[in-house]
């Protein structure tokens, strides 16, 4: 399994790449598809963190990166445990702690 520092570095690099892709798309007025590479990184993170998922789009890491925009869109109701308690995954560090709990 990855250390917290390693995990956060990879997430940060993935976020930077995603942001650069968005900037390029905005400047060119076109879509530049690097989705396959991003999907591979998320899939590898799932495997390295021992997350069992048949679909990389249905993993907490994918949700954090794409739906929650690397935690920027996180709200207390974004993710809850079985008892309905909010789980804070607003940062890569908190996501890591949650995945390890």
PDB file of N, CA and C in Angstrom:
ATOM      1  N   UNK A   1       0.847  -1.177   0.000  1.00  0.00           N
ATOM      2  CA  UNK A   1       0.000   0.000   0.000  1.00  0.00           C
ATOM      3  C   UNK A   1       0.892   1.240   0.000  1.00  0.00           C
ATOM      4  N   UNK A   2       0.379   2.298  -0.582  1.00  0.00           N
ATOM      5  CA  UNK A   2       1.116   3.557  -0.633  1.00  0.00           C
ATOM      6  C   UNK A   2       1.128   4.248   0.724  1.00  0.00           C
ATOM      7  N   UNK A   3       2.177   5.016   0.969  1.00  0.00           N
ATOM      8  CA  UNK A   3       2.183   5.871   2.156  1.00  0.00           C
ATOM      9  C   UNK A   3       1.279   7.070   1.869  1.00  0.00           C
ATOM     10  N   UNK A   4       0.906   7.764   2.908  1.00  0.00           N
ATOM     11  CA  UNK A   4       0.069   8.950   2.757  1.00  0.00           C
ATOM     12  C   UNK A   4       0.758   9.986   1.872  1.00  0.00           C
ATOM     13  N   UNK A   5       2.032  10.184   2.072  1.00  0.00           N
ATOM     14  CA  UNK A   5       2.795  11.149   1.289  1.00  0.00           C
ATOM     15  C   UNK A   5       2.818  10.761  -0.195  1.00  0.00           C
ATOM     16  N   UNK A   6       3.066   9.496  -0.481  1.00  0.00           N
ATOM     17  CA  UNK A   6       3.085   9.027  -1.864  1.00  0.00           C
ATOM     18  C   UNK A   6       1.717   9.206  -2.523  1.00  0.00           C
ATOM     19  N   UNK A   7       0.672   8.802  -1.802  1.00  0.00           N
ATOM     20  CA  UNK A   7      -0.692   8.913  -2.309  1.00  0.00           C
ATOM     21  C   UNK A   7      -1.029  10.365  -2.635  1.00  0.00           C
ATOM     22  N   UNK A   8      -0.734  11.266  -1.723  1.00  0.00           N
ATOM     23  CA  UNK A   8      -1.057  12.681  -1.909  1.00  0.00           C
ATOM     24  C   UNK A   8      -0.262  13.301  -3.056  1.00  0.00           C
ATOM     25  N   UNK A   9       0.991  12.890  -3.221  1.00  0.00           N
ATOM     26  CA  UNK A   9       1.794  13.391  -4.344  1.00  0.00           C
ATOM     27  C   UNK A   9       1.183  12.981  -5.679  1.00  0.00           C
ATOM     28  N   UNK A  10       0.723  11.743  -5.773  1.00  0.00           N
ATOM     29  CA  UNK A  10       0.130  11.249  -7.015  1.00  0.00           C
ATOM     30  C   UNK A  10      -1.181  11.981  -7.297  1.00  0.00           C
ATOM     31  N   UNK A  11      -2.013  12.142  -6.272  1.00  0.00           N
ATOM     32  CA  UNK A  11      -3.281  12.864  -6.443  1.00  0.00           C
ATOM     33  C   UNK A  11      -2.998  14.303  -6.881  1.00  0.00           C
ATOM     34  N   UNK A  12      -2.016  14.954  -6.265  1.00  0.00           N
ATOM     35  CA  UNK A  12      -1.673  16.335  -6.611  1.00  0.00           C
ATOM     36  C   UNK A  12      -1.214  16.424  -8.072  1.00  0.00           C
ATOM     37  N   UNK A  13      -0.395  15.496  -8.503  1.00  0.00           N
ATOM     38  CA  UNK A  13       0.086  15.479  -9.885  1.00  0.00           C
ATOM     39  C   UNK A  13      -1.085  15.244 -10.850  1.00  0.00           C
ATOM     40  N   UNK A  14      -1.992  14.352 -10.487  1.00  0.00           N
ATOM     41  CA  UNK A  14      -3.173  14.092 -11.304  1.00  0.00           C
ATOM     42  C   UNK A  14      -4.031  15.352 -11.408  1.00  0.00           C
ATOM     43  N   UNK A  15      -4.178  16.057 -10.304  1.00  0.00           N
ATOM     44  CA  UNK A  15      -4.940  17.309 -10.299  1.00  0.00           C
ATOM     45  C   UNK A  15      -4.267  18.363 -11.184  1.00  0.00           C
ATOM     46  N   UNK A  16      -2.955  18.508 -11.075  1.00  0.00           N
ATOM     47  CA  UNK A  16      -2.230  19.474 -11.895  1.00  0.00           C
ATOM     48  C   UNK A  16      -2.385  19.157 -13.383  1.00  0.00           C
ATOM     49  N   UNK A  17      -2.306  17.895 -13.722  1.00  0.00           N
ATOM     50  CA  UNK A  17      -2.463  17.474 -15.113  1.00  0.00           C
ATOM     51  C   UNK A  17      -3.868  17.774 -15.608  1.00  0.00           C
ATOM     52  N   UNK A  18      -4.853  17.498 -14.785  1.00  0.00           N
ATOM     53  CA  UNK A  18      -6.242  17.778 -15.138  1.00  0.00           C
ATOM     54  C   UNK A  18      -6.465  19.275 -15.351  1.00  0.00           C
ATOM     55  N   UNK A  19      -5.883  20.091 -14.464  1.00  0.00           N
ATOM     56  CA  UNK A  19      -6.011  21.544 -14.586  1.00  0.00           C
ATOM     57  C   UNK A  19      -5.346  22.051 -15.866  1.00  0.00           C
ATOM     58  N   UNK A  20      -4.175  21.517 -16.183  1.00  0.00           N
ATOM     59  CA  UNK A  20      -3.477  21.921 -17.416  1.00  0.00           C
ATOM     60  C   UNK A  20      -4.281  21.526 -18.639  1.00  0.00           C
ATOM     61  N   UNK A  21      -4.881  20.351 -18.596  1.00  0.00           N
ATOM     62  CA  UNK A  21      -5.712  19.905 -19.711  1.00  0.00           C
ATOM     63  C   UNK A  21      -6.881  20.870 -19.901  1.00  0.00           C
ATOM     64  N   UNK A  22      -7.505  21.286 -18.818  1.00  0.00           N
ATOM     65  CA  UNK A  22      -8.622  22.225 -18.902  1.00  0.00           C
ATOM     66  C   UNK A  22      -8.183  23.560 -19.493  1.00  0.00           C
ATOM     67  N   UNK A  23      -7.015  24.028 -19.078  1.00  0.00           N
ATOM     68  CA  UNK A  23      -6.486  25.287 -19.610  1.00  0.00           C
ATOM     69  C   UNK A  23      -6.221  25.182 -21.104  1.00  0.00           C
ATOM     70  N   UNK A  24      -5.634  24.069 -21.526  1.00  0.00           N
ATOM     71  CA  UNK A  24      -5.343  23.859 -22.953  1.00  0.00           C
ATOM     72  C   UNK A  24      -6.648  23.820 -23.745  1.00  0.00           C
ATOM     73  N   UNK A  25      -7.629  23.119 -23.219  1.00  0.00           N
ATOM     74  CA  UNK A  25      -8.924  23.041 -23.901  1.00  0.00           C
ATOM     75  C   UNK A  25      -9.547  24.423 -24.032  1.00  0.00           C
ATOM     76  N   UNK A  26      -9.442  25.229 -22.987  1.00  0.00           N
ATOM     77  CA  UNK A  26     -10.005  26.569 -23.009  1.00  0.00           C
ATOM     78  C   UNK A  26      -9.305  27.442 -24.053  1.00  0.00           C
ATOM     79  N   UNK A  27      -7.990  27.399 -24.086  1.00  0.00           N
ATOM     80  CA  UNK A  27      -7.220  28.212 -25.029  1.00  0.00           C
ATOM     81  C   UNK A  27      -7.478  27.773 -26.469  1.00  0.00           C
ATOM     82  N   UNK A  28      -7.480  26.478 -26.706  1.00  0.00           N
ATOM     83  CA  UNK A  28      -7.660  25.974 -28.057  1.00  0.00           C
ATOM     84  C   UNK A  28      -9.125  25.941 -28.488  1.00  0.00           C
ATOM     85  N   UNK A  29     -10.013  26.037 -27.520  1.00  0.00           N
ATOM     86  CA  UNK A  29     -11.430  25.927 -27.842  1.00  0.00           C
ATOM     87  C   UNK A  29     -11.788  24.539 -28.336  1.00  0.00           C
ATOM     88  N   UNK A  30     -11.036  23.566 -27.876  1.00  0.00           N
ATOM     89  CA  UNK A  30     -11.257  22.183 -28.295  1.00  0.00           C
ATOM     90  C   UNK A  30     -11.035  21.262 -27.110  1.00  0.00           C
ATOM     91  N   UNK A  31     -11.514  20.063 -27.254  1.00  0.00           N
ATOM     92  CA  UNK A  31     -11.324  19.061 -26.211  1.00  0.00           C
ATOM     93  C   UNK A  31     -10.063  18.267 -26.501  1.00  0.00           C
ATOM     94  N   UNK A  32      -9.182  18.208 -25.514  1.00  0.00           N
ATOM     95  CA  UNK A  32      -7.971  17.398 -25.599  1.00  0.00           C
ATOM     96  C   UNK A  32      -8.194  16.220 -24.667  1.00  0.00           C
ATOM     97  N   UNK A  33      -8.264  15.037 -25.212  1.00  0.00           N
ATOM     98  CA  UNK A  33      -8.617  13.867 -24.418  1.00  0.00           C
ATOM     99  C   UNK A  33      -7.383  13.189 -23.852  1.00  0.00           C
ATOM    100  N   UNK A  34      -7.236  13.296 -22.529  1.00  0.00           N
ATOM    101  CA  UNK A  34      -6.199  12.527 -21.830  1.00  0.00           C
ATOM    102  C   UNK A  34      -6.863  11.622 -20.802  1.00  0.00           C
ATOM    103  N   UNK A  35      -8.154  11.391 -20.993  1.00  0.00           N
ATOM    104  CA  UNK A  35      -8.930  10.595 -20.044  1.00  0.00           C
ATOM    105  C   UNK A  35      -8.381   9.218 -19.804  1.00  0.00           C
ATOM    106  N   UNK A  36      -7.892   8.573 -20.862  1.00  0.00           N
ATOM    107  CA  UNK A  36      -7.379   7.214 -20.704  1.00  0.00           C
ATOM    108  C   UNK A  36      -6.228   7.173 -19.710  1.00  0.00           C
ATOM    109  N   UNK A  37      -5.317   8.128 -19.801  1.00  0.00           N
ATOM    110  CA  UNK A  37      -4.181   8.172 -18.884  1.00  0.00           C
ATOM    111  C   UNK A  37      -4.652   8.433 -17.451  1.00  0.00           C
ATOM    112  N   UNK A  38      -5.583   9.353 -17.283  1.00  0.00           N
ATOM    113  CA  UNK A  38      -6.128   9.644 -15.957  1.00  0.00           C
ATOM    114  C   UNK A  38      -6.825   8.419 -15.379  1.00  0.00           C
ATOM    115  N   UNK A  39      -7.574   7.714 -16.227  1.00  0.00           N
ATOM    116  CA  UNK A  39      -8.256   6.497 -15.772  1.00  0.00           C
ATOM    117  C   UNK A  39      -7.256   5.440 -15.325  1.00  0.00           C
ATOM    118  N   UNK A  40      -6.149   5.334 -16.043  1.00  0.00           N
ATOM    119  CA  UNK A  40      -5.108   4.363 -15.676  1.00  0.00           C
ATOM    120  C   UNK A  40      -4.524   4.718 -14.311  1.00  0.00           C
ATOM    121  N   UNK A  41      -4.271   6.005 -14.076  1.00  0.00           N
ATOM    122  CA  UNK A  41      -3.720   6.436 -12.787  1.00  0.00           C
ATOM    123  C   UNK A  41      -4.691   6.114 -11.665  1.00  0.00           C
ATOM    124  N   UNK A  42      -5.972   6.413 -11.853  1.00  0.00           N
ATOM    125  CA  UNK A  42      -6.974   6.119 -10.821  1.00  0.00           C
ATOM    126  C   UNK A  42      -7.069   4.610 -10.597  1.00  0.00           C
ATOM    127  N   UNK A  43      -7.045   3.836 -11.664  1.00  0.00           N
ATOM    128  CA  UNK A  43      -7.102   2.383 -11.548  1.00  0.00           C
ATOM    129  C   UNK A  43      -5.902   1.855 -10.755  1.00  0.00           C
ATOM    130  N   UNK A  44      -4.724   2.381 -11.053  1.00  0.00           N
ATOM    131  CA  UNK A  44      -3.520   1.971 -10.312  1.00  0.00           C
ATOM    132  C   UNK A  44      -3.609   2.376  -8.841  1.00  0.00           C
ATOM    133  N   UNK A  45      -4.115   3.572  -8.575  1.00  0.00           N
ATOM    134  CA  UNK A  45      -4.288   3.997  -7.177  1.00  0.00           C
ATOM    135  C   UNK A  45      -5.241   3.056  -6.445  1.00  0.00           C
ATOM    136  N   UNK A  46      -6.330   2.670  -7.094  1.00  0.00           N
ATOM    137  CA  UNK A  46      -7.263   1.711  -6.483  1.00  0.00           C
ATOM    138  C   UNK A  46      -6.548   0.410  -6.138  1.00  0.00           C
ATOM    139  N   UNK A  47      -5.751  -0.075  -7.072  1.00  0.00           N
ATOM    140  CA  UNK A  47      -5.030  -1.330  -6.837  1.00  0.00           C
ATOM    141  C   UNK A  47      -3.991  -1.181  -5.724  1.00  0.00           C
ATOM    142  N   UNK A  48      -3.246  -0.089  -5.748  1.00  0.00           N
ATOM    143  CA  UNK A  48      -2.208   0.129  -4.742  1.00  0.00           C
ATOM    144  C   UNK A  48      -2.792   0.345  -3.343  1.00  0.00           C
ATOM    145  N   UNK A  49      -4.010   0.862  -3.292  1.00  0.00           N
ATOM    146  CA  UNK A  49      -4.667   1.087  -1.999  1.00  0.00           C
ATOM    147  C   UNK A  49      -5.553  -0.099  -1.612  1.00  0.00           C
ATOM    148  N   UNK A  50      -5.466  -1.183  -2.386  1.00  0.00           N
ATOM    149  CA  UNK A  50      -6.227  -2.408  -2.125  1.00  0.00           C
ATOM    150  C   UNK A  50      -7.737  -2.171  -2.100  1.00  0.00           C
ATOM    151  N   UNK A  51      -8.203  -1.351  -3.032  1.00  0.00           N
ATOM    152  CA  UNK A  51      -9.627  -1.073  -3.137  1.00  0.00           C
ATOM    153  C   UNK A  51     -10.216  -2.017  -4.172  1.00  0.00           C
ATOM    154  N   UNK A  52     -11.184  -2.793  -3.735  1.00  0.00           N
ATOM    155  CA  UNK A  52     -11.859  -3.726  -4.628  1.00  0.00           C
ATOM    156  C   UNK A  52     -12.973  -2.985  -5.345  1.00  0.00           C
ATOM    157  N   UNK A  53     -12.866  -2.873  -6.653  1.00  0.00           N
ATOM    158  CA  UNK A  53     -13.907  -2.222  -7.436  1.00  0.00           C
ATOM    159  C   UNK A  53     -13.880  -2.800  -8.834  1.00  0.00           C
ATOM    160  N   UNK A  54     -15.050  -3.139  -9.330  1.00  0.00           N
ATOM    161  CA  UNK A  54     -15.145  -3.651 -10.694  1.00  0.00           C
ATOM    162  C   UNK A  54     -15.142  -2.525 -11.713  1.00  0.00           C
ATOM    163  N   UNK A  55     -15.383  -1.312 -11.247  1.00  0.00           N
ATOM    164  CA  UNK A  55     -15.513  -0.171 -12.138  1.00  0.00           C
ATOM    165  C   UNK A  55     -14.768   1.008 -11.533  1.00  0.00           C
ATOM    166  N   UNK A  56     -13.720   1.500 -12.198  1.00  0.00           N
ATOM    167  CA  UNK A  56     -12.936   2.598 -11.634  1.00  0.00           C
ATOM    168  C   UNK A  56     -13.769   3.851 -11.455  1.00  0.00           C
ATOM    169  N   UNK A  57     -14.876   3.950 -12.188  1.00  0.00           N
ATOM    170  CA  UNK A  57     -15.730   5.137 -12.051  1.00  0.00           C
ATOM    171  C   UNK A  57     -16.612   5.049 -10.813  1.00  0.00           C
ATOM    172  N   UNK A  58     -16.601   3.911 -10.163  1.00  0.00           N
ATOM    173  CA  UNK A  58     -17.425   3.703  -8.981  1.00  0.00           C
ATOM    174  C   UNK A  58     -16.555   3.598  -7.726  1.00  0.00           C
ATOM    175  N   UNK A  59     -15.380   4.191  -7.761  1.00  0.00           N
ATOM    176  CA  UNK A  59     -14.502   4.126  -6.597  1.00  0.00           C
ATOM    177  C   UNK A  59     -14.479   5.472  -5.895  1.00  0.00           C
ATOM    178  N   UNK A  60     -14.129   5.455  -4.615  1.00  0.00           N
ATOM    179  CA  UNK A  60     -14.046   6.697  -3.852  1.00  0.00           C
ATOM    180  C   UNK A  60     -12.959   7.618  -4.390  1.00  0.00           C
ATOM    181  N   UNK A  61     -11.897   7.045  -4.926  1.00  0.00           N
ATOM    182  CA  UNK A  61     -10.818   7.865  -5.491  1.00  0.00           C
ATOM    183  C   UNK A  61     -11.321   8.590  -6.740  1.00  0.00           C
ATOM    184  N   UNK A  62     -11.984   7.867  -7.612  1.00  0.00           N
ATOM    185  CA  UNK A  62     -12.547   8.475  -8.811  1.00  0.00           C
ATOM    186  C   UNK A  62     -13.560   9.551  -8.439  1.00  0.00           C
ATOM    187  N   UNK A  63     -14.420   9.268  -7.479  1.00  0.00           N
ATOM    188  CA  UNK A  63     -15.427  10.223  -7.020  1.00  0.00           C
ATOM    189  C   UNK A  63     -14.762  11.495  -6.500  1.00  0.00           C
ATOM    190  N   UNK A  64     -13.718  11.337  -5.692  1.00  0.00           N
ATOM    191  CA  UNK A  64     -12.978  12.474  -5.151  1.00  0.00           C
ATOM    192  C   UNK A  64     -12.373  13.320  -6.272  1.00  0.00           C
ATOM    193  N   UNK A  65     -11.749  12.659  -7.236  1.00  0.00           N
ATOM    194  CA  UNK A  65     -11.070  13.385  -8.309  1.00  0.00           C
ATOM    195  C   UNK A  65     -12.035  14.065  -9.254  1.00  0.00           C
ATOM    196  N   UNK A  66     -13.002  13.318  -9.759  1.00  0.00           N
ATOM    197  CA  UNK A  66     -13.812  13.835 -10.860  1.00  0.00           C
ATOM    198  C   UNK A  66     -15.100  14.494 -10.397  1.00  0.00           C
ATOM    199  N   UNK A  67     -15.860  13.856  -9.538  1.00  0.00           N
ATOM    200  CA  UNK A  67     -17.136  14.437  -9.106  1.00  0.00           C
ATOM    201  C   UNK A  67     -16.937  15.568  -8.094  1.00  0.00           C
ATOM    202  N   UNK A  68     -15.983  15.369  -7.194  1.00  0.00           N
ATOM    203  CA  UNK A  68     -15.737  16.389  -6.168  1.00  0.00           C
ATOM    204  C   UNK A  68     -14.624  17.349  -6.559  1.00  0.00           C
ATOM    205  N   UNK A  69     -14.130  17.257  -7.781  1.00  0.00           N
ATOM    206  CA  UNK A  69     -13.094  18.158  -8.291  1.00  0.00           C
ATOM    207  C   UNK A  69     -11.919  18.263  -7.317  1.00  0.00           C
ATOM    208  N   UNK A  70     -11.375  17.109  -6.981  1.00  0.00           N
ATOM    209  CA  UNK A  70     -10.236  16.991  -6.068  1.00  0.00           C
ATOM    210  C   UNK A  70     -10.554  17.617  -4.699  1.00  0.00           C
ATOM    211  N   UNK A  71     -11.792  17.432  -4.272  1.00  0.00           N
ATOM    212  CA  UNK A  71     -12.223  17.881  -2.942  1.00  0.00           C
ATOM    213  C   UNK A  71     -12.811  19.274  -2.897  1.00  0.00           C
ATOM    214  N   UNK A  72     -12.636  20.059  -3.949  1.00  0.00           N
ATOM    215  CA  UNK A  72     -13.138  21.444  -3.939  1.00  0.00           C
ATOM    216  C   UNK A  72     -14.657  21.522  -3.848  1.00  0.00           C
ATOM    217  N   UNK A  73     -15.366  20.513  -4.352  1.00  0.00           N
ATOM    218  CA  UNK A  73     -16.831  20.511  -4.335  1.00  0.00           C
ATOM    219  C   UNK A  73     -17.396  19.678  -3.178  1.00  0.00           C
ATOM    220  N   UNK A  74     -16.545  19.243  -2.262  1.00  0.00           N
ATOM    221  CA  UNK A  74     -17.001  18.428  -1.152  1.00  0.00           C
ATOM    222  C   UNK A  74     -17.934  19.232  -0.257  1.00  0.00           C
ATOM    223  N   UNK A  75     -19.015  18.615   0.166  1.00  0.00           N
ATOM    224  CA  UNK A  75     -19.927  19.170   1.169  1.00  0.00           C
ATOM    225  C   UNK A  75     -20.169  18.067   2.197  1.00  0.00           C
ATOM    226  N   UNK A  76     -20.694  18.415   3.361  1.00  0.00           N
ATOM    227  CA  UNK A  76     -20.928  17.387   4.381  1.00  0.00           C
ATOM    228  C   UNK A  76     -21.828  16.236   3.926  1.00  0.00           C
ATOM    229  N   UNK A  77     -22.615  16.429   2.889  1.00  0.00           N
ATOM    230  CA  UNK A  77     -23.478  15.348   2.400  1.00  0.00           C
ATOM    231  C   UNK A  77     -22.911  14.619   1.192  1.00  0.00           C
ATOM    232  N   UNK A  78     -21.680  14.935   0.816  1.00  0.00           N
ATOM    233  CA  UNK A  78     -21.075  14.304  -0.364  1.00  0.00           C
ATOM    234  C   UNK A  78     -20.909  12.802  -0.196  1.00  0.00           C
ATOM    235  N   UNK A  79     -20.498  12.400   0.989  1.00  0.00           N
ATOM    236  CA  UNK A  79     -20.283  10.974   1.244  1.00  0.00           C
ATOM    237  C   UNK A  79     -20.572  10.719   2.719  1.00  0.00           C
ATOM    238  N   UNK A  80     -21.314   9.656   2.975  1.00  0.00           N
ATOM    239  CA  UNK A  80     -21.699   9.316   4.348  1.00  0.00           C
ATOM    240  C   UNK A  80     -21.430   7.842   4.610  1.00  0.00           C
ATOM    241  N   UNK A  81     -21.311   7.515   5.888  1.00  0.00           N
ATOM    242  CA  UNK A  81     -21.145   6.111   6.246  1.00  0.00           C
ATOM    243  C   UNK A  81     -22.528   5.450   6.318  1.00  0.00           C
ATOM    244  N   UNK A  82     -22.559   4.189   6.718  1.00  0.00           N
ATOM    245  CA  UNK A  82     -23.818   3.438   6.754  1.00  0.00           C
ATOM    246  C   UNK A  82     -24.822   4.012   7.752  1.00  0.00           C
ATOM    247  N   UNK A  83     -24.333   4.759   8.737  1.00  0.00           N
ATOM    248  CA  UNK A  83     -25.218   5.367   9.722  1.00  0.00           C
ATOM    249  C   UNK A  83     -25.641   6.780   9.337  1.00  0.00           C
ATOM    250  N   UNK A  84     -25.212   7.242   8.179  1.00  0.00           N
ATOM    251  CA  UNK A  84     -25.579   8.565   7.707  1.00  0.00           C
ATOM    252  C   UNK A  84     -24.661   9.680   8.186  1.00  0.00           C
ATOM    253  N   UNK A  85     -23.550   9.313   8.825  1.00  0.00           N
ATOM    254  CA  UNK A  85     -22.594  10.317   9.291  1.00  0.00           C
ATOM    255  C   UNK A  85     -21.710  10.781   8.139  1.00  0.00           C
ATOM    256  N   UNK A  86     -21.475  12.079   8.080  1.00  0.00           N
ATOM    257  CA  UNK A  86     -20.654  12.659   7.023  1.00  0.00           C
ATOM    258  C   UNK A  86     -19.206  12.183   7.133  1.00  0.00           C
ATOM    259  N   UNK A  87     -18.596  11.927   5.982  1.00  0.00           N
ATOM    260  CA  UNK A  87     -17.192  11.549   5.914  1.00  0.00           C
ATOM    261  C   UNK A  87     -16.472  12.668   5.174  1.00  0.00           C
ATOM    262  N   UNK A  88     -15.506  13.271   5.828  1.00  0.00           N
ATOM    263  CA  UNK A  88     -14.778  14.388   5.246  1.00  0.00           C
ATOM    264  C   UNK A  88     -13.669  13.876   4.334  1.00  0.00           C
ATOM    265  N   UNK A  89     -13.873  14.055   3.033  1.00  0.00           N
ATOM    266  CA  UNK A  89     -12.826  13.728   2.056  1.00  0.00           C
ATOM    267  C   UNK A  89     -12.551  14.984   1.223  1.00  0.00           C
ATOM    268  N   UNK A  90     -12.418  16.110   1.904  1.00  0.00           N
ATOM    269  CA  UNK A  90     -12.222  17.391   1.229  1.00  0.00           C
ATOM    270  C   UNK A  90     -10.789  17.604   0.755  1.00  0.00           C
ATOM    271  N   UNK A  91      -9.868  16.755   1.184  1.00  0.00           N
ATOM    272  CA  UNK A  91      -8.471  16.830   0.753  1.00  0.00           C
ATOM    273  C   UNK A  91      -7.963  15.417   0.467  1.00  0.00           C
ATOM    274  N   UNK A  92      -6.866  15.337  -0.254  1.00  0.00           N
ATOM    275  CA  UNK A  92      -6.263  14.032  -0.538  1.00  0.00           C
ATOM    276  C   UNK A  92      -5.829  13.348   0.758  1.00  0.00           C
ATOM    277  N   UNK A  93      -5.349  14.137   1.713  1.00  0.00           N
ATOM    278  CA  UNK A  93      -4.928  13.574   3.003  1.00  0.00           C
ATOM    279  C   UNK A  93      -6.104  12.940   3.737  1.00  0.00           C
ATOM    280  N   UNK A  94      -7.233  13.626   3.732  1.00  0.00           N
ATOM    281  CA  UNK A  94      -8.430  13.082   4.400  1.00  0.00           C
ATOM    282  C   UNK A  94      -8.984  11.886   3.655  1.00  0.00           C
ATOM    283  N   UNK A  95      -8.900  11.918   2.330  1.00  0.00           N
ATOM    284  CA  UNK A  95      -9.324  10.759   1.533  1.00  0.00           C
ATOM    285  C   UNK A  95      -8.459   9.567   1.901  1.00  0.00           C
ATOM    286  N   UNK A  96      -7.162   9.747   1.983  1.00  0.00           N
ATOM    287  CA  UNK A  96      -6.242   8.666   2.338  1.00  0.00           C
ATOM    288  C   UNK A  96      -6.619   8.089   3.710  1.00  0.00           C
ATOM    289  N   UNK A  97      -6.815   8.976   4.688  1.00  0.00           N
ATOM    290  CA  UNK A  97      -7.186   8.506   6.039  1.00  0.00           C
ATOM    291  C   UNK A  97      -8.475   7.697   6.001  1.00  0.00           C
ATOM    292  N   UNK A  98      -9.448   8.165   5.241  1.00  0.00           N
ATOM    293  CA  UNK A  98     -10.714   7.440   5.109  1.00  0.00           C
ATOM    294  C   UNK A  98     -10.492   6.070   4.465  1.00  0.00           C
ATOM    295  N   UNK A  99      -9.708   6.016   3.396  1.00  0.00           N
ATOM    296  CA  UNK A  99      -9.460   4.750   2.712  1.00  0.00           C
ATOM    297  C   UNK A  99      -8.727   3.754   3.606  1.00  0.00           C
ATOM    298  N   UNK A 100      -7.930   4.267   4.507  1.00  0.00           N
ATOM    299  CA  UNK A 100      -7.161   3.386   5.405  1.00  0.00           C
ATOM    300  C   UNK A 100      -7.935   3.005   6.665  1.00  0.00           C
ATOM    301  N   UNK A 101      -9.064   3.639   6.888  1.00  0.00           N
ATOM    302  CA  UNK A 101      -9.821   3.347   8.131  1.00  0.00           C
ATOM    303  C   UNK A 101     -10.650   2.089   7.999  1.00  0.00           C
TER     304      UNK A 101
END
